[in-house]
Amino acid sequence: MPMDASEIERRIKTALPDAEIEIRDLAGDGDHYAATVKSEQFRGKTRVQQHQLVYAALQGDMGGALHALALQTSPPD
């Protein structure tokens, strides 16, 4: 069963409480999303480390309940 956008946002917010999150359903199928995530916890981290924090928040469901997630991450402006 696909993961809906509100569940993706809830999990990211749990791991990164200060995060500003925007999620878009790319295909309208509830299976392919794009997310923009800004968090102070990303400051000083590489892009790969930032993405790893988001993937960890998804608790191993990447590639399973969540088929595809295009990520853009950064610290706040």
C-alpha atoms as a PDB file:
ATOM      1  CA  MET A   1       0.000   0.000   0.000  1.00  0.00           C
ATOM      2  CA  PRO A   2       1.474   3.379  -0.974  1.00  0.00           C
ATOM      3  CA  MET A   3       2.415   5.958   1.637  1.00  0.00           C
ATOM      4  CA  ASP A   4       0.462   9.212   1.454  1.00  0.00           C
ATOM      5  CA  ALA A   5       1.992  12.692   1.584  1.00  0.00           C
ATOM      6  CA  SER A   6       0.742  13.411   5.103  1.00  0.00           C
ATOM      7  CA  GLU A   7       2.512  10.303   6.432  1.00  0.00           C
ATOM      8  CA  ILE A   8       5.757  11.310   4.693  1.00  0.00           C
ATOM      9  CA  GLU A   9       5.516  14.776   6.245  1.00  0.00           C
ATOM     10  CA  ARG A  10       4.651  13.363   9.696  1.00  0.00           C
ATOM     11  CA  ARG A  11       7.689  11.084   9.697  1.00  0.00           C
ATOM     12  CA  ILE A  12      10.066  13.824   8.547  1.00  0.00           C
ATOM     13  CA  LYS A  13       8.653  16.248  11.159  1.00  0.00           C
ATOM     14  CA  THR A  14       9.115  13.628  13.879  1.00  0.00           C
ATOM     15  CA  ALA A  15      12.814  13.288  13.034  1.00  0.00           C
ATOM     16  CA  LEU A  16      13.404  16.944  12.089  1.00  0.00           C
ATOM     17  CA  PRO A  17      10.914  18.994  14.158  1.00  0.00           C
ATOM     18  CA  ASP A  18      12.100  22.352  12.780  1.00  0.00           C
ATOM     19  CA  ALA A  19      11.768  21.256   9.153  1.00  0.00           C
ATOM     20  CA  GLU A  20       9.892  23.252   6.547  1.00  0.00           C
ATOM     21  CA  ILE A  21       8.458  20.628   4.192  1.00  0.00           C
ATOM     22  CA  GLU A  22       6.759  20.824   0.812  1.00  0.00           C
ATOM     23  CA  ILE A  23       5.601  17.565  -0.765  1.00  0.00           C
ATOM     24  CA  ARG A  24       4.282  17.137  -4.312  1.00  0.00           C
ATOM     25  CA  ASP A  25       2.685  14.017  -5.810  1.00  0.00           C
ATOM     26  CA  LEU A  26       4.486  13.844  -9.162  1.00  0.00           C
ATOM     27  CA  ALA A  27       2.327  11.295 -10.946  1.00  0.00           C
ATOM     28  CA  GLY A  28      -0.989  11.568  -9.100  1.00  0.00           C
ATOM     29  CA  ASP A  29      -0.649   7.934  -8.081  1.00  0.00           C
ATOM     30  CA  GLY A  30       0.397   8.341  -4.439  1.00  0.00           C
ATOM     31  CA  ASP A  31       3.610   6.501  -5.232  1.00  0.00           C
ATOM     32  CA  HIS A  32       5.957   9.096  -6.769  1.00  0.00           C
ATOM     33  CA  TYR A  33       6.712  12.206  -4.718  1.00  0.00           C
ATOM     34  CA  ALA A  34       9.053  15.170  -4.688  1.00  0.00           C
ATOM     35  CA  ALA A  35       9.908  16.812  -1.382  1.00  0.00           C
ATOM     36  CA  THR A  36      11.675  20.025  -0.482  1.00  0.00           C
ATOM     37  CA  VAL A  37      12.941  19.929   3.087  1.00  0.00           C
ATOM     38  CA  LYS A  38      14.690  22.763   4.926  1.00  0.00           C
ATOM     39  CA  SER A  39      16.084  22.179   8.396  1.00  0.00           C
ATOM     40  CA  GLU A  40      18.717  23.793  10.582  1.00  0.00           C
ATOM     41  CA  GLN A  41      19.963  20.240  11.247  1.00  0.00           C
ATOM     42  CA  PHE A  42      21.258  20.206   7.640  1.00  0.00           C
ATOM     43  CA  ARG A  43      23.670  23.096   8.231  1.00  0.00           C
ATOM     44  CA  GLY A  44      27.283  21.983   7.756  1.00  0.00           C
ATOM     45  CA  LYS A  45      26.269  18.618   6.293  1.00  0.00           C
ATOM     46  CA  THR A  46      26.848  17.414   2.753  1.00  0.00           C
ATOM     47  CA  ARG A  47      23.867  16.864   0.465  1.00  0.00           C
ATOM     48  CA  VAL A  48      24.305  13.099   0.903  1.00  0.00           C
ATOM     49  CA  GLN A  49      24.228  13.450   4.703  1.00  0.00           C
ATOM     50  CA  GLN A  50      21.114  15.632   4.466  1.00  0.00           C
ATOM     51  CA  HIS A  51      19.358  13.028   2.323  1.00  0.00           C
ATOM     52  CA  GLN A  52      20.416  10.268   4.714  1.00  0.00           C
ATOM     53  CA  LEU A  53      18.677  12.115   7.567  1.00  0.00           C
ATOM     54  CA  VAL A  54      15.455  12.259   5.550  1.00  0.00           C
ATOM     55  CA  TYR A  55      15.691   8.610   4.472  1.00  0.00           C
ATOM     56  CA  ALA A  56      16.280   7.579   8.108  1.00  0.00           C
ATOM     57  CA  ALA A  57      13.098   9.454   9.051  1.00  0.00           C
ATOM     58  CA  LEU A  58      11.172   7.288   6.575  1.00  0.00           C
ATOM     59  CA  GLN A  59      12.088   4.234   8.662  1.00  0.00           C
ATOM     60  CA  GLY A  60      13.192   1.934   5.870  1.00  0.00           C
ATOM     61  CA  ASP A  61      10.064   2.366   3.727  1.00  0.00           C
ATOM     62  CA  MET A  62      11.972   3.923   0.812  1.00  0.00           C
ATOM     63  CA  GLY A  63      11.628   1.533  -2.105  1.00  0.00           C
ATOM     64  CA  GLY A  64       8.750  -0.283  -0.394  1.00  0.00           C
ATOM     65  CA  ALA A  65       5.633   1.599   0.706  1.00  0.00           C
ATOM     66  CA  LEU A  66       7.291   4.702  -0.722  1.00  0.00           C
ATOM     67  CA  HIS A  67       8.368   3.874  -4.260  1.00  0.00           C
ATOM     68  CA  ALA A  68      10.058   7.136  -5.334  1.00  0.00           C
ATOM     69  CA  LEU A  69      11.011  10.359  -3.588  1.00  0.00           C
ATOM     70  CA  ALA A  70      12.939  13.130  -5.345  1.00  0.00           C
ATOM     71  CA  LEU A  71      14.590  15.203  -2.614  1.00  0.00           C
ATOM     72  CA  GLN A  72      15.794  18.776  -2.411  1.00  0.00           C
ATOM     73  CA  THR A  73      17.335  19.572   0.965  1.00  0.00           C
ATOM     74  CA  SER A  74      19.006  22.621   2.470  1.00  0.00           C
ATOM     75  CA  PRO A  75      19.359  24.580   5.679  1.00  0.00           C
ATOM     76  CA  PRO A  76      16.967  27.533   6.013  1.00  0.00           C
ATOM     77  CA  ASP A  77      17.969  30.777   4.315  1.00  0.00           C
END
